[in-house]
């Protein structure tokens, strides 16, 4: 019987044609850097072809080695700065060029703030189609930064590995799962560094094995540390592959005796082969189930898995601006979509008649109710479910919001929620955003009924490319009242 071969459709993978671009992988090129992208990489061009160069700054001329090319743009690694920007800053972190966590440490802080303001302006113009300069333009205020932009993070999530018989812990090298062992991280609270060091040393001494994600073996996956910045309370969470920890009591005692301020030691069990940090089961090994902290006058209970803003100082700045934009005088009804554990809701309840918070995660609503009770707040109601379902149901019950506040995840608002807002016609919409591009997209949807008055960027994550902002929208007079 004659042997037949299956016909291959399209070119053989190995025969893929080279891209018709002016650079090639491995080539070192000279690049004039004209700006920074939203992730903090330098943007330059070679014969009209765009190259992104990590570590390069606007106004610099650099030599860069091409790593990767696509049809319209490529990526290159900085080799040498030929002409240096006046705003270049010597990064104080010795692991800066290996870690990848702080993409802007090499840029002077005042320039970081100007860059983040420009990122917001560019997105509003390019994606939203808004006017940001000249008469009738949206006001994008200068970014509100920190007087001391270091040691601001109150939560560390540190993967644990093993090298030469000792446990190591740090952050992953950029675009890899290779752990860089570190003694300290300059954007983490010192208590986090101390707690991680104690766990690494004690677990090594007690022969507790680190998890190996390639083999699926070992016990200790992550050490998570949460710090109540105003209370000084510390929670240490041990994320393990199974519940049984060899010599658990000795490990707990080492943490208790050597970590200053520790009031809670918790174990989370995650047996799955996944890059998700937490598993479903959590047990308290010693102390309290929660620690406490304050944002302004509001007290919050923080559990091992509950979401809490990682920079409470700047969160207070952000929420005060939100409260200002809401314009609360004590007579307003406010709906807080994506309310989470009630952080914004409880802030707004200080000066509003009543706040209604909705969130799709049941555990978050449980935390929100607990935090309301903790603060004696009686004028806040929380409900579980999709905002675009719950809010219309509230409307049927006769609830008419004067203001709707949204604080969505990076992907922005659900389209159905934007439609719901347009149907509800509140006087104001206040949009708290962690992603300027989806902010611009969503504001564009609402712009037919609402005028974007102003946007305030806030630097929640110094030395990184991230920027949060809050936008005020006021309903056009011609749109009538809410029904």
Protein backbone atom coordinates (compact mmCIF):
# COMPACT_ATOMS: atom_id res chain seq x y z
CA UNK A 1 0.00 0.00 0.00
CA UNK A 2 1.41 3.31 -1.01
CA UNK A 3 2.27 5.72 1.83
CA UNK A 4 0.34 8.97 1.70
CA UNK A 5 1.35 12.27 3.21
CA UNK A 6 -0.98 14.84 4.59
CA UNK A 7 -0.87 18.15 2.78
CA UNK A 8 0.36 20.97 5.00
CA UNK A 9 -1.68 24.16 4.93
CA UNK A 10 0.33 27.37 4.83
CA UNK A 11 4.10 27.73 5.17
CA UNK A 12 6.14 25.50 7.41
CA UNK A 13 6.76 27.25 10.77
CA UNK A 14 10.50 27.18 10.13
CA UNK A 15 10.00 28.92 6.80
CA UNK A 16 8.41 32.02 8.30
CA UNK A 17 9.53 35.07 6.34
CA UNK A 18 11.60 37.69 8.12
CA UNK A 19 9.79 40.87 9.02
CA UNK A 20 10.59 43.79 6.78
CA UNK A 21 11.89 46.10 9.52
CA UNK A 22 15.08 48.20 9.69
CA UNK A 23 16.54 46.38 12.73
CA UNK A 24 17.28 42.76 13.56
CA UNK A 25 17.41 40.81 16.81
CA UNK A 26 20.86 41.03 18.37
CA UNK A 27 21.76 44.26 16.58
CA UNK A 28 23.02 47.23 18.64
CA UNK A 29 21.51 50.50 17.45
CA UNK A 30 21.70 54.14 18.46
CA UNK A 31 18.32 55.53 19.46
CA UNK A 32 17.04 59.02 20.25
CA UNK A 33 14.49 58.67 23.07
CA UNK A 34 11.55 61.01 22.62
CA UNK A 35 9.26 59.93 25.45
CA UNK A 36 8.14 57.22 27.88
CA UNK A 37 5.28 54.77 27.47
CA UNK A 38 2.74 53.95 30.17
CA UNK A 39 5.02 51.25 31.60
CA UNK A 40 7.97 53.63 31.88
CA UNK A 41 10.01 52.32 28.92
CA UNK A 42 11.82 54.81 26.72
CA UNK A 43 10.25 55.32 23.27
CA UNK A 44 12.53 55.99 20.30
CA UNK A 45 12.70 55.42 16.55
CA UNK A 46 15.21 53.94 14.16
CA UNK A 47 14.43 54.86 10.54
CA UNK A 48 10.83 55.47 11.57
CA UNK A 49 10.55 52.12 13.38
CA UNK A 50 9.48 52.33 17.05
CA UNK A 51 11.69 50.75 19.70
CA UNK A 52 10.85 50.48 23.40
CA UNK A 53 13.97 50.61 25.58
CA UNK A 54 13.61 49.86 29.30
CA UNK A 55 15.74 52.16 31.44
CA UNK A 56 16.04 54.92 28.84
CA UNK A 57 14.63 58.40 29.44
CA UNK A 58 13.14 61.10 27.25
CA UNK A 59 15.81 63.38 25.79
CA UNK A 60 18.53 60.74 25.92
CA UNK A 61 20.60 59.24 23.14
CA UNK A 62 21.36 55.60 23.90
CA UNK A 63 22.87 52.44 22.49
CA UNK A 64 20.45 49.52 22.78
CA UNK A 65 20.55 45.85 21.80
CA UNK A 66 17.44 44.67 19.96
CA UNK A 67 15.70 41.80 21.78
CA UNK A 68 12.47 41.29 19.91
CA UNK A 69 10.83 42.67 16.80
CA UNK A 70 7.26 42.86 15.56
CA UNK A 71 5.79 44.41 12.44
CA UNK A 72 5.25 47.90 13.86
CA UNK A 73 7.47 48.04 16.93
CA UNK A 74 10.24 46.23 18.78
CA UNK A 75 11.94 45.95 22.16
CA UNK A 76 15.57 46.62 22.99
CA UNK A 77 17.80 46.42 26.06
CA UNK A 78 19.74 49.46 27.17
CA UNK A 79 23.49 49.03 26.63
CA UNK A 80 24.87 52.53 27.14
CA UNK A 81 23.62 56.06 27.73
CA UNK A 82 25.48 58.27 25.26
CA UNK A 83 23.74 61.54 26.18
CA UNK A 84 22.15 61.56 29.61
CA UNK A 85 18.92 63.25 30.72
CA UNK A 86 19.20 65.88 33.43
CA UNK A 87 16.40 64.00 35.18
CA UNK A 88 18.25 60.68 35.44
CA UNK A 89 18.45 59.49 39.05
CA UNK A 90 20.78 56.88 40.54
CA UNK A 91 18.50 54.07 41.80
CA UNK A 92 19.21 53.38 45.50
CA UNK A 93 18.10 49.75 45.23
CA UNK A 94 21.02 47.40 44.48
CA UNK A 95 18.66 44.97 42.73
CA UNK A 96 16.94 47.58 40.58
CA UNK A 97 18.33 46.39 37.26
CA UNK A 98 17.37 42.77 37.99
CA UNK A 99 14.02 42.97 39.74
CA UNK A 100 11.75 44.86 37.35
CA UNK A 101 9.33 45.85 40.10
CA UNK A 102 10.16 49.58 40.05
CA UNK A 103 10.40 50.59 36.41
CA UNK A 104 10.93 54.31 37.13
CA UNK A 105 13.46 54.35 39.97
CA UNK A 106 16.00 55.85 37.57
CA UNK A 107 13.79 58.93 36.98
CA UNK A 108 13.82 61.84 39.47
CA UNK A 109 10.61 61.76 41.51
CA UNK A 110 9.29 65.17 40.42
CA UNK A 111 9.65 64.02 36.82
CA UNK A 112 7.80 60.79 37.62
CA UNK A 113 4.87 62.93 38.76
CA UNK A 114 4.96 65.02 35.57
CA UNK A 115 5.18 61.85 33.48
CA UNK A 116 2.09 60.39 35.15
CA UNK A 117 0.11 63.57 34.58
CA UNK A 118 1.08 63.38 30.91
CA UNK A 119 0.05 59.73 30.67
CA UNK A 120 -3.45 60.69 31.86
CA UNK A 121 -3.61 63.62 29.44
CA UNK A 122 -2.43 61.49 26.51
CA UNK A 123 -5.03 58.78 27.17
CA UNK A 124 -7.87 61.27 27.49
CA UNK A 125 -6.86 62.82 24.17
CA UNK A 126 -5.99 59.67 22.23
CA UNK A 127 -8.60 57.20 23.50
CA UNK A 128 -11.36 59.47 24.80
CA UNK A 129 -11.10 62.10 22.09
CA UNK A 130 -11.22 64.84 24.75
CA UNK A 131 -9.71 68.30 24.54
CA UNK A 132 -7.02 68.63 27.23
CA UNK A 133 -5.45 71.92 26.20
CA UNK A 134 -6.97 75.32 25.46
CA UNK A 135 -10.36 76.85 26.13
CA UNK A 136 -13.06 74.39 27.22
CA UNK A 137 -10.51 71.65 27.85
CA UNK A 138 -10.61 69.15 30.70
CA UNK A 139 -8.37 70.21 33.58
CA UNK A 140 -5.85 67.48 34.38
CA UNK A 141 -4.23 68.60 37.61
CA UNK A 142 -0.58 67.96 38.53
CA UNK A 143 -0.11 64.53 40.11
CA UNK A 144 -0.39 64.45 43.89
CA UNK A 145 2.79 62.76 45.09
CA UNK A 146 4.36 61.75 48.38
CA UNK A 147 6.78 63.80 50.46
CA UNK A 148 8.62 60.53 51.21
CA UNK A 149 8.04 58.12 48.29
CA UNK A 150 9.74 55.10 49.87
CA UNK A 151 8.63 52.30 52.21
CA UNK A 152 4.99 52.98 51.38
CA UNK A 153 3.66 49.45 50.73
CA UNK A 154 1.85 47.85 53.66
CA UNK A 155 1.65 44.41 52.02
CA UNK A 156 4.36 42.09 50.71
CA UNK A 157 3.68 38.85 48.80
CA UNK A 158 7.02 37.09 48.59
CA UNK A 159 7.54 33.80 46.70
CA UNK A 160 9.86 31.34 48.43
CA UNK A 161 12.47 29.16 46.75
CA UNK A 162 15.61 27.26 47.65
CA UNK A 163 19.29 27.73 46.78
CA UNK A 164 22.20 25.73 48.16
CA UNK A 165 20.12 24.25 50.96
CA UNK A 166 18.76 27.57 52.23
CA UNK A 167 15.41 29.23 51.60
CA UNK A 168 15.39 32.38 49.50
CA UNK A 169 12.62 34.89 49.05
CA UNK A 170 12.19 37.98 46.97
CA UNK A 171 10.52 39.03 43.77
CA UNK A 172 10.62 37.47 40.37
CA UNK A 173 13.13 38.75 37.85
CA UNK A 174 11.39 40.64 35.06
CA UNK A 175 9.43 38.36 32.72
CA UNK A 176 10.50 35.20 34.57
CA UNK A 177 9.76 32.98 37.55
CA UNK A 178 13.34 33.15 38.77
CA UNK A 179 13.37 34.41 42.37
CA UNK A 180 15.81 37.18 43.26
CA UNK A 181 16.67 36.78 46.95
CA UNK A 182 16.58 40.12 48.72
CA UNK A 183 17.19 41.35 52.23
CA UNK A 184 15.10 44.47 51.77
CA UNK A 185 12.77 46.17 49.33
CA UNK A 186 12.84 49.95 49.48
CA UNK A 187 9.15 50.37 48.68
CA UNK A 188 8.00 47.83 51.30
CA UNK A 189 7.42 48.63 54.96
CA UNK A 190 10.47 47.61 57.02
CA UNK A 191 8.31 45.24 59.06
CA UNK A 192 7.72 43.18 55.91
CA UNK A 193 11.45 42.78 55.30
CA UNK A 194 12.00 41.75 58.90
CA UNK A 195 9.17 39.21 58.90
CA UNK A 196 10.24 37.58 55.63
CA UNK A 197 13.85 37.31 56.86
CA UNK A 198 12.71 35.62 60.08
CA UNK A 199 10.58 33.07 58.21
CA UNK A 200 13.37 32.25 55.73
CA UNK A 201 15.91 31.73 58.52
CA UNK A 202 13.60 29.77 60.82
CA UNK A 203 12.18 27.55 58.07
CA UNK A 204 15.68 26.77 56.79
CA UNK A 205 16.79 25.78 60.30
CA UNK A 206 13.68 23.59 60.74
CA UNK A 207 14.20 21.89 57.33
CA UNK A 208 10.89 23.11 55.93
CA UNK A 209 11.13 22.72 52.17
CA UNK A 210 10.25 25.47 49.71
CA UNK A 211 7.74 24.76 46.98
CA UNK A 212 9.24 23.90 43.59
CA UNK A 213 6.68 24.94 40.98
CA UNK A 214 8.31 22.94 38.17
CA UNK A 215 8.31 19.66 40.10
CA UNK A 216 5.22 20.41 42.17
CA UNK A 217 7.08 19.42 45.35
CA UNK A 218 7.82 21.17 48.65
CA UNK A 219 5.70 22.96 51.23
CA UNK A 220 6.24 26.72 51.66
CA UNK A 221 5.04 28.70 48.62
CA UNK A 222 4.77 32.33 49.75
CA UNK A 223 5.17 34.53 52.78
CA UNK A 224 2.60 37.31 52.84
CA UNK A 225 3.03 40.14 55.33
CA UNK A 226 0.40 42.78 56.08
CA UNK A 227 1.16 45.83 58.21
CA UNK A 228 -1.23 48.19 59.95
CA UNK A 229 0.75 51.35 59.32
CA UNK A 230 -1.08 53.46 61.94
CA UNK A 231 -1.62 50.68 64.50
CA UNK A 232 1.76 48.95 64.12
CA UNK A 233 0.07 45.53 63.96
CA UNK A 234 1.65 42.87 61.74
CA UNK A 235 0.11 39.76 60.18
CA UNK A 236 2.32 36.98 58.79
CA UNK A 237 0.65 34.56 56.38
CA UNK A 238 2.37 31.28 55.45
CA UNK A 239 1.05 29.94 52.16
CA UNK A 240 1.67 26.19 51.98
CA UNK A 241 0.81 23.29 49.72
CA UNK A 242 -0.69 21.24 52.56
CA UNK A 243 -2.01 21.81 56.06
CA UNK A 244 0.60 19.86 58.01
CA UNK A 245 3.74 21.95 58.73
CA UNK A 246 6.65 19.99 60.24
CA UNK A 247 7.71 21.55 63.57
CA UNK A 248 4.92 24.09 63.20
CA UNK A 249 5.00 25.19 66.85
CA UNK A 250 8.72 26.00 66.64
CA UNK A 251 8.16 28.05 63.48
CA UNK A 252 5.27 29.96 65.06
CA UNK A 253 7.34 30.63 68.18
CA UNK A 254 10.25 31.96 66.08
CA UNK A 255 7.90 34.40 64.34
CA UNK A 256 6.22 35.43 67.61
CA UNK A 257 9.51 36.09 69.39
CA UNK A 258 11.43 37.76 66.57
CA UNK A 259 8.92 39.82 64.53
CA UNK A 260 8.14 43.13 66.23
CA UNK A 261 4.44 43.99 66.35
CA UNK A 262 3.16 40.62 65.16
CA UNK A 263 -0.41 40.03 66.37
CA UNK A 264 -1.54 37.43 63.83
CA UNK A 265 0.08 34.35 62.31
CA UNK A 266 -2.06 32.67 59.66
CA UNK A 267 -1.69 29.69 57.33
CA UNK A 268 -3.30 29.52 53.90
CA UNK A 269 -3.37 26.16 52.13
CA UNK A 270 -3.01 26.16 48.34
CA UNK A 271 -2.40 22.65 46.93
CA UNK A 272 -3.04 23.59 43.29
CA UNK A 273 -0.50 23.94 40.49
CA UNK A 274 -1.24 27.58 39.80
CA UNK A 275 0.32 31.02 39.94
CA UNK A 276 -2.59 32.23 42.09
CA UNK A 277 -1.15 32.92 45.53
CA UNK A 278 -4.00 31.99 47.88
CA UNK A 279 -5.95 28.77 48.20
CA UNK A 280 -9.47 28.43 49.56
CA UNK A 281 -8.67 27.34 53.13
CA UNK A 282 -7.22 29.67 55.78
CA UNK A 283 -6.49 28.85 59.42
CA UNK A 284 -5.18 31.04 62.23
CA UNK A 285 -2.10 29.53 63.87
CA UNK A 286 -1.69 32.16 66.56
CA UNK A 287 -3.24 35.48 67.61
CA UNK A 288 -6.07 37.31 65.90
CA UNK A 289 -7.80 36.48 62.62
CA UNK A 290 -7.36 40.11 61.57
CA UNK A 291 -5.21 43.18 62.08
CA UNK A 292 -6.50 46.74 62.10
CA UNK A 293 -5.54 49.96 60.37
CA UNK A 294 -6.99 53.39 59.65
CA UNK A 295 -7.54 55.45 56.52
CA UNK A 296 -8.26 58.89 57.91
CA UNK A 297 -10.70 58.39 60.79
CA UNK A 298 -12.11 55.11 59.45
CA UNK A 299 -10.92 51.86 61.04
CA UNK A 300 -10.61 48.71 58.96
CA UNK A 301 -10.27 45.05 59.85
CA UNK A 302 -7.82 43.34 57.49
CA UNK A 303 -7.92 39.57 57.12
CA UNK A 304 -5.42 37.35 55.30
CA UNK A 305 -7.36 37.39 52.02
CA UNK A 306 -9.26 40.68 52.18
CA UNK A 307 -8.36 43.46 49.77
CA UNK A 308 -6.94 46.61 51.33
CA UNK A 309 -5.16 49.48 49.61
CA UNK A 310 -1.39 48.97 49.79
CA UNK A 311 -0.54 52.66 50.23
CA UNK A 312 -2.84 53.96 52.97
CA UNK A 313 -1.26 57.44 53.06
CA UNK A 314 -2.04 58.09 49.39
CA UNK A 315 -5.36 56.27 49.67
CA UNK A 316 -6.44 58.94 52.14
CA UNK A 317 -5.41 61.60 49.59
CA UNK A 318 -7.37 59.81 46.85
CA UNK A 319 -10.48 59.34 48.99
CA UNK A 320 -10.46 62.94 50.23
CA UNK A 321 -10.43 64.06 46.61
CA UNK A 322 -13.29 61.62 45.88
CA UNK A 323 -15.26 63.07 48.80
CA UNK A 324 -14.61 66.58 47.46
CA UNK A 325 -15.85 65.62 43.98
CA UNK A 326 -18.97 63.97 45.40
CA UNK A 327 -19.77 67.38 46.90
CA UNK A 328 -21.52 65.83 49.88
CA UNK A 329 -23.34 68.20 52.23
CA UNK A 330 -25.20 65.62 54.32
CA UNK A 331 -28.30 65.44 52.14
CA UNK A 332 -27.03 63.27 49.27
CA UNK A 333 -27.79 59.66 48.41
CA UNK A 334 -24.68 58.05 46.97
CA UNK A 335 -24.20 54.70 45.22
CA UNK A 336 -20.72 53.17 45.38
CA UNK A 337 -20.36 50.61 42.58
CA UNK A 338 -17.45 48.15 42.98
CA UNK A 339 -17.45 48.99 46.70
CA UNK A 340 -15.09 46.17 47.75
CA UNK A 341 -14.73 46.04 51.54
CA UNK A 342 -16.42 49.42 51.86
CA UNK A 343 -13.35 51.66 51.97
CA UNK A 344 -14.78 54.46 49.80
CA UNK A 345 -18.36 53.91 51.03
CA UNK A 346 -17.43 54.44 54.68
CA UNK A 347 -15.41 57.50 53.77
CA UNK A 348 -18.39 58.96 51.90
CA UNK A 349 -20.83 58.07 54.68
CA UNK A 350 -19.15 60.69 56.90
CA UNK A 351 -20.80 63.50 54.92
CA UNK A 352 -23.65 61.84 52.99
CA UNK A 353 -27.25 61.10 53.91
CA UNK A 354 -26.93 57.45 52.86
CA UNK A 355 -24.44 55.37 50.89
CA UNK A 356 -25.37 52.18 49.03
CA UNK A 357 -22.45 49.90 48.16
CA UNK A 358 -22.58 47.01 45.71
CA UNK A 359 -19.91 44.40 45.04
CA UNK A 360 -19.99 41.03 43.28
CA UNK A 361 -17.67 39.29 45.78
CA UNK A 362 -19.64 37.99 48.83
CA UNK A 363 -16.58 37.92 51.11
CA UNK A 364 -15.91 41.60 50.38
CA UNK A 365 -19.49 42.53 51.30
CA UNK A 366 -19.11 40.59 54.57
CA UNK A 367 -15.99 42.65 55.29
CA UNK A 368 -17.81 45.86 54.34
CA UNK A 369 -20.61 45.14 56.81
CA UNK A 370 -18.08 44.28 59.50
CA UNK A 371 -16.16 47.51 58.87
CA UNK A 372 -19.38 49.54 59.01
CA UNK A 373 -20.20 47.99 62.38
CA UNK A 374 -16.63 48.54 63.55
CA UNK A 375 -17.00 52.26 62.90
CA UNK A 376 -20.58 52.61 64.10
CA UNK A 377 -21.72 53.65 60.62
CA UNK A 378 -25.51 53.36 60.33
CA UNK A 379 -26.04 55.16 57.01
CA UNK A 380 -24.40 52.60 54.72
CA UNK A 381 -26.10 49.61 53.07
CA UNK A 382 -24.18 46.89 51.24
CA UNK A 383 -25.48 44.30 48.80
CA UNK A 384 -23.85 41.45 46.87
CA UNK A 385 -24.30 41.17 43.11
CA UNK A 386 -23.41 42.75 39.76
CA UNK A 387 -23.80 46.54 39.93
CA UNK A 388 -25.76 46.59 36.67
CA UNK A 389 -28.34 44.25 38.26
CA UNK A 390 -28.46 45.57 41.82
CA UNK A 391 -28.60 49.28 40.99
CA UNK A 392 -31.75 49.00 38.77
CA UNK A 393 -33.34 46.92 41.53
CA UNK A 394 -32.62 49.74 43.97
CA UNK A 395 -34.24 52.13 41.50
CA UNK A 396 -37.39 50.00 41.57
CA UNK A 397 -37.34 50.32 45.36
CA UNK A 398 -37.36 54.11 45.02
CA UNK A 399 -33.67 54.76 45.62
CA UNK A 400 -32.58 57.79 43.55
CA UNK A 401 -28.84 58.50 43.77
CA UNK A 402 -27.57 62.06 43.55
CA UNK A 403 -24.08 60.71 42.89
CA UNK A 404 -22.72 57.41 41.59
CA UNK A 405 -19.10 56.58 42.42
CA UNK A 406 -17.29 53.86 40.48
CA UNK A 407 -13.92 52.33 41.34
CA UNK A 408 -13.57 49.46 38.86
CA UNK A 409 -10.65 47.03 38.29
CA UNK A 410 -8.08 47.74 35.56
CA UNK A 411 -10.42 46.49 32.82
CA UNK A 412 -12.77 49.39 33.57
CA UNK A 413 -16.54 49.48 34.00
CA UNK A 414 -18.84 46.81 32.69
CA UNK A 415 -20.69 48.15 29.65
CA UNK A 416 -24.01 47.33 31.27
CA UNK A 417 -23.07 49.45 34.30
CA UNK A 418 -22.33 52.46 32.07
CA UNK A 419 -25.78 52.00 30.49
CA UNK A 420 -27.30 51.82 33.96
CA UNK A 421 -25.61 55.09 34.97
CA UNK A 422 -27.01 56.80 31.87
CA UNK A 423 -30.47 55.49 32.72
CA UNK A 424 -30.25 56.55 36.39
CA UNK A 425 -29.06 60.09 35.49
CA UNK A 426 -27.41 61.06 38.80
CA UNK A 427 -26.29 64.69 39.10
CA UNK A 428 -22.66 63.61 39.34
CA UNK A 429 -20.50 60.65 38.46
CA UNK A 430 -17.16 60.31 40.23
CA UNK A 431 -14.83 57.80 38.59
CA UNK A 432 -11.87 56.44 40.57
CA UNK A 433 -9.47 54.72 38.18
CA UNK A 434 -6.32 52.62 38.33
CA UNK A 435 -5.97 52.57 34.52
CA UNK A 436 -6.01 55.82 32.51
CA UNK A 437 -6.78 54.03 29.23
CA UNK A 438 -10.00 52.38 30.42
CA UNK A 439 -10.90 55.59 32.27
CA UNK A 440 -10.71 57.50 28.97
CA UNK A 441 -12.73 54.82 27.18
CA UNK A 442 -15.51 54.85 29.79
CA UNK A 443 -15.66 58.65 30.09
CA UNK A 444 -16.18 58.79 26.34
CA UNK A 445 -19.30 56.59 26.72
CA UNK A 446 -20.71 58.90 29.41
CA UNK A 447 -19.70 62.16 27.72
CA UNK A 448 -22.96 62.53 25.79
CA UNK A 449 -24.84 63.12 29.03
CA UNK A 450 -22.03 64.27 31.31
CA UNK A 451 -19.35 66.92 31.10
CA UNK A 452 -15.92 65.87 32.36
CA UNK A 453 -14.93 68.76 34.62
CA UNK A 454 -11.54 67.72 35.94
CA UNK A 455 -9.24 64.81 36.60
CA UNK A 456 -6.84 64.49 39.53
CA UNK A 457 -3.95 61.99 39.17
CA UNK A 458 -2.64 60.54 42.45
CA UNK A 459 0.67 58.70 42.78
CA UNK A 460 -0.29 55.57 44.68
CA UNK A 461 2.74 53.59 43.50
CA UNK A 462 5.90 55.74 43.37
CA UNK A 463 8.76 54.47 41.17
CA UNK A 464 6.40 52.34 39.08
CA UNK A 465 4.51 53.19 35.90
CA UNK A 466 1.10 52.96 37.59
CA UNK A 467 -1.07 56.01 38.21
CA UNK A 468 -4.46 56.31 39.86
CA UNK A 469 -6.80 59.21 39.30
CA UNK A 470 -10.25 60.45 40.14
CA UNK A 471 -12.48 62.20 37.59
CA UNK A 472 -15.49 64.43 38.17
CA UNK A 473 -18.40 64.35 35.72
CA UNK A 474 -21.44 66.62 36.03
CA UNK A 475 -24.68 66.02 34.16
CA UNK A 476 -25.42 68.45 31.35
CA UNK A 477 -28.30 70.78 32.23
CA UNK A 478 -30.22 69.76 29.09
CA UNK A 479 -30.45 66.13 30.23
CA UNK A 480 -33.20 66.63 32.78
CA UNK A 481 -33.57 65.12 36.26
CA UNK A 482 -33.21 61.50 37.29
CA UNK A 483 -36.43 59.51 37.20
